[in-house]
N, C-alpha and C. Protein backbone atom coordinates (compact mmCIF):
# COMPACT_ATOMS: atom_id res chain seq x y z
N MET A 1 0.86 -1.11 0.05
CA MET A 1 -0.10 -0.01 0.05
C MET A 1 0.96 1.27 0.06
N LYS A 2 0.62 2.08 -0.89
CA LYS A 2 1.37 3.49 -1.05
C LYS A 2 0.83 4.34 0.02
N ALA A 3 1.66 5.15 0.66
CA ALA A 3 1.14 6.14 1.38
C ALA A 3 1.01 7.52 0.69
N THR A 4 -0.03 8.46 1.17
CA THR A 4 -0.07 9.86 0.65
C THR A 4 0.74 10.72 1.43
N VAL A 5 2.09 11.19 0.92
CA VAL A 5 2.84 11.96 1.75
C VAL A 5 2.28 13.36 1.52
N VAL A 6 2.34 13.95 2.71
CA VAL A 6 1.81 15.29 2.86
C VAL A 6 2.99 16.37 2.87
N LYS A 7 4.07 16.07 3.63
CA LYS A 7 5.26 17.01 3.75
C LYS A 7 6.48 16.10 4.06
N GLU A 8 7.55 16.42 3.64
CA GLU A 8 8.79 15.65 3.81
C GLU A 8 9.97 16.58 3.95
N THR A 9 10.97 16.42 5.07
CA THR A 9 12.24 17.10 5.19
C THR A 9 13.13 16.07 5.26
N ASP A 10 14.33 16.53 5.42
CA ASP A 10 15.68 15.66 5.54
C ASP A 10 15.49 14.79 6.96
N ASP A 11 14.74 15.33 7.89
CA ASP A 11 14.62 14.68 9.30
C ASP A 11 13.40 13.76 9.30
N TRP A 12 12.27 14.12 8.53
CA TRP A 12 11.11 13.41 8.92
C TRP A 12 10.16 13.39 7.68
N VAL A 13 9.19 12.39 7.73
CA VAL A 13 8.30 12.38 6.70
C VAL A 13 6.83 12.34 7.43
N CYS A 14 5.80 13.00 6.68
CA CYS A 14 4.35 13.11 7.24
C CYS A 14 3.49 12.49 6.18
N PHE A 15 2.68 11.59 6.51
CA PHE A 15 1.79 11.09 5.49
C PHE A 15 0.48 10.67 6.19
N GLU A 16 -0.55 10.55 5.24
CA GLU A 16 -1.91 10.29 5.84
C GLU A 16 -2.06 8.72 6.32
N ASP A 17 -2.77 8.68 7.53
CA ASP A 17 -2.75 7.37 8.17
C ASP A 17 -3.91 6.38 7.21
N VAL A 18 -3.62 5.31 6.99
CA VAL A 18 -4.31 4.39 5.93
C VAL A 18 -5.63 3.85 6.80
N HIS A 19 -5.62 4.03 8.18
CA HIS A 19 -6.81 3.75 9.05
C HIS A 19 -7.16 4.77 9.79
N PRO A 20 -7.67 5.96 9.42
CA PRO A 20 -7.84 7.32 10.01
C PRO A 20 -8.89 7.16 11.12
N LYS A 21 -8.59 7.80 12.17
CA LYS A 21 -9.50 7.96 13.37
C LYS A 21 -10.20 9.24 13.40
N ALA A 22 -9.85 10.12 12.48
CA ALA A 22 -10.48 11.52 12.43
C ALA A 22 -10.58 11.96 11.07
N PRO A 23 -11.13 12.93 10.76
CA PRO A 23 -11.31 13.47 9.36
C PRO A 23 -9.91 13.70 8.78
N VAL A 24 -8.86 14.29 9.80
CA VAL A 24 -7.51 14.45 9.32
C VAL A 24 -6.89 13.53 10.41
N HIS A 25 -5.97 12.48 9.74
CA HIS A 25 -5.27 11.72 10.66
C HIS A 25 -3.90 11.60 9.94
N LEU A 26 -2.71 12.15 10.36
CA LEU A 26 -1.53 12.14 9.76
C LEU A 26 -0.51 11.50 10.77
N LEU A 27 0.53 10.92 10.17
CA LEU A 27 1.52 10.22 10.92
C LEU A 27 2.86 11.14 10.44
N LEU A 28 3.53 11.44 11.52
CA LEU A 28 4.92 12.05 11.37
C LEU A 28 5.94 11.21 11.80
N ILE A 29 6.89 10.67 11.09
CA ILE A 29 7.85 9.79 11.69
C ILE A 29 9.31 10.47 11.19
N PRO A 30 10.19 10.02 12.29
CA PRO A 30 11.57 10.39 11.92
C PRO A 30 12.12 9.58 10.79
N LYS A 31 13.18 10.11 10.05
CA LYS A 31 13.70 9.18 9.05
C LYS A 31 14.88 8.30 9.69
N VAL A 32 15.30 8.60 10.81
CA VAL A 32 16.08 7.64 11.63
C VAL A 32 15.34 6.74 12.40
N HIS A 33 15.84 5.52 12.64
CA HIS A 33 14.97 4.70 13.30
C HIS A 33 15.02 4.86 14.80
N VAL A 34 13.90 5.31 15.51
CA VAL A 34 13.83 5.33 16.97
C VAL A 34 12.85 4.64 17.37
N GLU A 35 12.85 3.43 18.25
CA GLU A 35 11.81 2.62 18.59
C GLU A 35 10.52 3.25 19.24
N ASN A 36 10.77 4.09 20.24
CA ASN A 36 9.55 4.95 20.82
C ASN A 36 10.11 6.04 21.38
N LEU A 37 9.18 6.80 22.03
CA LEU A 37 9.61 7.97 22.71
C LEU A 37 10.67 7.91 23.98
N HIS A 38 10.42 6.70 24.60
CA HIS A 38 11.43 6.44 25.59
C HIS A 38 12.79 6.13 25.21
N SER A 39 12.90 5.80 24.14
CA SER A 39 14.29 5.45 23.59
C SER A 39 15.08 6.52 22.80
N VAL A 40 14.37 7.78 22.85
CA VAL A 40 15.00 8.82 22.06
C VAL A 40 16.31 9.58 22.70
N ASP A 41 17.43 9.47 22.14
CA ASP A 41 18.60 9.86 22.73
C ASP A 41 18.95 11.22 22.23
N ASP A 42 18.43 11.54 21.01
CA ASP A 42 18.58 13.01 20.47
C ASP A 42 17.52 13.94 20.64
N GLN A 43 17.73 14.65 21.74
CA GLN A 43 16.75 15.56 22.17
C GLN A 43 16.43 16.55 21.05
N THR A 44 17.24 16.88 20.31
CA THR A 44 16.90 17.94 19.32
C THR A 44 16.08 17.34 18.25
N LEU A 45 16.02 15.90 18.10
CA LEU A 45 15.14 15.23 17.22
C LEU A 45 13.66 15.63 17.57
N LEU A 46 13.46 15.48 19.08
CA LEU A 46 11.98 15.87 19.26
C LEU A 46 11.53 17.15 19.09
N GLY A 47 12.53 18.20 18.97
CA GLY A 47 12.14 19.33 18.84
C GLY A 47 11.83 19.74 17.26
N ARG A 48 12.70 19.05 16.53
CA ARG A 48 12.41 18.98 15.06
C ARG A 48 11.00 18.35 14.67
N LEU A 49 10.83 17.18 15.40
CA LEU A 49 9.48 16.73 14.96
C LEU A 49 8.27 17.44 15.44
N MET A 50 8.34 18.22 16.58
CA MET A 50 7.27 19.04 17.26
C MET A 50 7.13 20.50 16.32
N ALA A 51 8.34 20.77 15.67
CA ALA A 51 8.38 22.09 15.13
C ALA A 51 7.63 21.50 13.66
N GLY A 52 8.13 20.22 13.22
CA GLY A 52 7.20 19.66 11.97
C GLY A 52 5.65 19.71 12.12
N VAL A 53 5.24 19.33 13.37
CA VAL A 53 3.92 19.29 13.43
C VAL A 53 3.34 20.85 13.40
N LYS A 54 3.92 21.80 13.81
CA LYS A 54 3.60 23.20 13.85
C LYS A 54 3.44 23.62 12.34
N VAL A 55 4.47 23.23 11.57
CA VAL A 55 4.43 23.58 10.06
C VAL A 55 3.32 22.89 9.35
N ILE A 56 3.27 21.70 9.43
CA ILE A 56 2.07 20.97 8.93
C ILE A 56 0.73 21.36 9.15
N VAL A 57 0.35 21.50 10.52
CA VAL A 57 -1.01 22.25 10.76
C VAL A 57 -1.27 23.61 10.10
N LYS A 58 -0.15 24.32 10.24
CA LYS A 58 -0.35 25.57 9.69
C LYS A 58 -0.69 25.65 8.16
N ASP A 59 0.14 24.86 7.41
CA ASP A 59 0.06 24.39 5.92
C ASP A 59 -1.36 24.13 5.76
N LEU A 60 -1.87 23.06 6.44
CA LEU A 60 -3.18 22.70 6.27
C LEU A 60 -4.42 23.29 6.75
N GLY A 61 -4.05 24.44 7.47
CA GLY A 61 -5.06 25.29 8.12
C GLY A 61 -5.70 24.71 9.16
N LEU A 62 -5.19 23.77 9.96
CA LEU A 62 -5.57 23.10 11.10
C LEU A 62 -5.37 23.80 12.47
N ASP A 63 -4.47 24.93 12.57
CA ASP A 63 -4.15 25.69 13.49
C ASP A 63 -5.30 26.46 14.14
N SER A 64 -6.19 26.91 13.51
CA SER A 64 -7.22 27.89 13.86
C SER A 64 -8.21 27.06 14.87
N LYS A 65 -8.61 25.95 14.57
CA LYS A 65 -9.60 25.30 15.26
C LYS A 65 -9.04 24.27 16.36
N GLY A 66 -7.74 23.82 16.25
CA GLY A 66 -7.22 23.02 17.10
C GLY A 66 -7.08 21.72 16.60
N TYR A 67 -6.17 21.02 17.28
CA TYR A 67 -5.77 19.61 16.69
C TYR A 67 -5.19 18.76 18.01
N ARG A 68 -4.99 17.35 17.75
CA ARG A 68 -4.30 16.88 18.90
C ARG A 68 -3.21 16.12 18.35
N VAL A 69 -2.14 15.98 19.14
CA VAL A 69 -0.78 15.36 18.78
C VAL A 69 -0.73 14.16 19.76
N VAL A 70 -0.65 12.80 19.38
CA VAL A 70 -0.44 11.76 20.23
C VAL A 70 0.73 10.91 19.95
N ILE A 71 1.56 10.28 20.97
CA ILE A 71 2.65 9.68 20.86
C ILE A 71 2.37 8.49 21.73
N ASN A 72 2.05 7.22 21.06
CA ASN A 72 1.91 6.01 21.93
C ASN A 72 3.25 5.46 22.20
N THR A 73 3.52 4.96 23.36
CA THR A 73 4.60 4.36 23.83
C THR A 73 4.57 3.09 24.50
N GLY A 74 4.99 1.81 23.99
CA GLY A 74 4.92 0.87 24.78
C GLY A 74 3.62 0.14 24.55
N SER A 75 3.43 -1.11 24.74
CA SER A 75 2.30 -2.04 24.57
C SER A 75 1.04 -1.39 25.31
N GLU A 76 1.05 -1.04 26.71
CA GLU A 76 0.17 -0.41 27.38
C GLU A 76 -0.29 0.99 26.86
N GLY A 77 0.74 1.55 26.36
CA GLY A 77 0.31 3.01 25.75
C GLY A 77 -0.12 2.82 24.43
N GLY A 78 -0.42 1.61 23.79
CA GLY A 78 -1.11 1.60 22.53
C GLY A 78 -0.16 1.45 21.28
N GLN A 79 1.10 1.52 21.48
CA GLN A 79 2.15 1.32 20.31
C GLN A 79 2.09 0.16 19.75
N THR A 80 1.78 0.19 18.47
CA THR A 80 1.57 -1.36 17.72
C THR A 80 2.68 -1.16 16.51
N VAL A 81 3.38 -0.20 16.42
CA VAL A 81 4.50 -0.16 15.58
C VAL A 81 5.73 0.21 16.31
N SER A 82 6.82 -0.46 15.94
CA SER A 82 8.05 -0.20 16.61
C SER A 82 8.96 0.86 16.06
N HIS A 83 8.32 1.88 15.68
CA HIS A 83 9.28 2.94 15.21
C HIS A 83 8.37 4.27 15.76
N LEU A 84 9.08 5.17 16.35
CA LEU A 84 8.35 6.36 16.83
C LEU A 84 7.67 7.03 15.66
N HIS A 85 6.43 7.37 16.14
CA HIS A 85 5.60 8.16 15.22
C HIS A 85 4.57 9.21 16.03
N LEU A 86 4.25 10.43 15.26
CA LEU A 86 3.47 11.16 16.02
C LEU A 86 2.03 11.08 15.24
N HIS A 87 1.06 10.90 15.94
CA HIS A 87 -0.34 11.05 15.18
C HIS A 87 -0.69 12.40 15.39
N ILE A 88 -1.19 13.06 14.30
CA ILE A 88 -1.70 14.37 14.37
C ILE A 88 -3.32 14.21 13.86
N LEU A 89 -4.15 14.47 14.58
CA LEU A 89 -5.64 14.25 14.46
C LEU A 89 -6.35 15.75 14.48
N ALA A 90 -7.18 15.79 13.60
CA ALA A 90 -7.90 17.23 13.47
C ALA A 90 -9.18 17.16 12.63
N ARG A 91 -10.17 18.13 12.81
CA ARG A 91 -11.41 18.40 12.06
C ARG A 91 -12.44 17.42 12.78
N ARG A 92 -12.43 17.23 14.05
CA ARG A 92 -13.32 16.74 14.88
C ARG A 92 -13.14 16.95 16.28
N PRO A 93 -14.32 17.26 16.97
CA PRO A 93 -14.17 17.44 18.61
C PRO A 93 -13.30 16.25 19.13
N MET A 94 -12.47 16.41 19.99
CA MET A 94 -11.61 15.24 20.60
C MET A 94 -12.21 15.10 21.87
N GLY A 95 -12.48 13.68 22.38
CA GLY A 95 -13.00 13.65 23.66
C GLY A 95 -11.82 13.62 24.64
N TRP A 96 -12.15 13.69 26.02
CA TRP A 96 -11.35 13.47 27.09
C TRP A 96 -11.83 12.71 28.29
N PRO A 97 -11.32 11.75 28.84
CA PRO A 97 -9.94 11.28 28.52
C PRO A 97 -9.69 10.51 27.27
N PRO A 98 -8.72 10.38 26.66
CA PRO A 98 -8.54 9.56 25.47
C PRO A 98 -8.48 8.13 25.90
N GLY A 99 -8.74 7.37 25.04
CA GLY A 99 -8.27 5.92 25.16
C GLY A 99 -9.65 5.30 25.87
């Protein structure tokens, strides 16, 4: 299955989730392999990923009404893919608590 890429830099790629849970459901992943949030050694990578979220939501016009960023870590945290990825969800009201 081919992903629909939304934006890409030297550090990360953002694409549409193939099983969306919101009208907008994107995945932002680093190009270097990092298993999960807990195993990140390069703290600047986290900053580049979060800066990427800001660019993506602004480019797509999602910043005015809001959005949710989710990072699942470990089996009890809901992580099903062993590569760090950020979910960007938007264009519907988000409930609380999640999960």
